[in-house]
Amino acid sequence: MSETQNETTKETTVDEAQVVTYLRTHPEFFVKHAELLSELSIPHDSDRAISLVEKQVHVFREQRDLLKRELAELIDIARQNDRFFEKSKRLLMHLLEAQSLDEALIMLDESIRNDFSVPFCSIVLLGDKKDYPASNVNLLSVAAARASLGTLLESSRAVCGRFKPEQLRCLFPSHAEKVKSAAVIPLGGDEHLGMLSLGSDDEHYFDSSMGSLFLSYISDTLSRILPPLLARERCQGGAEAIARLLE
């Protein structure tokens, strides 16, 4: 390209930039010169030139359609949240009615599978069998948990994704081979009681980008309900031990 052509291109670019700047700083320009709106033509996808007014209408319609889609998505999310809330409230009410640790675990398992359509649910508590002799809960010593779960045991929030086979065997003692992805939620807050694990046979169902608000809600609920039930189990276990000694 010759020097003259380069200068012409540069001047044209500068002139266009000046026009853009002027129109942006003088938005009333086309109000004063409305006749230009019908005279200007803009290439369209259909290879037909359209006026600036038609182009504006087209842009407004596209923006309207985009907003309608975004509104529909927000409404759908709101409806999903309403359904989650109702299911969560029903689960909470059932857990509050539980009279024993085993009863609470059964209610939790049924709700997760039937209401939330998650096929596998497991709670693993940190402790020894002598602490909860009357319960069928899965128990694991702290040392064994650290050996199998590693840093997962130290997490203070829900962790979602795919886990190693040895971790799944620890978290889902009865269904480890069937679980392809899972959400692991710590229980107890400052007092680490154990973990609630939800599992799916779909490896993409739980992933690392998944929101954890609902999972945290379940964790907070269980963290408040479990301690009195666990204390009741310990007392029952102690009473049974004393009874055996007196026989």
Foldseek 3Di string as FASTA:
>chain_A
DDPVVVVVVVVVVVVVVVVVVVCVVCVCVCVVVVVQQQVDWDQDPVRDTGGNVVVVVVVVVVVVVVVVVVVVVVVVVVVVVVLLVVLVVVLLVQLVPDPAPQSNVVSVQCSCCPSVVQNDKAWEWADDCLLQVPDPHHYDHPVRCCVQPPCVLVDQAKAWAADDLSNLCNGGVPQSVQFQIKIWGFAQRVPGTTIMMTGHSDRPPIHRPDDCPSVVVVRVSCNVSVPVNSVVSNVVSVVVVVVVVVD
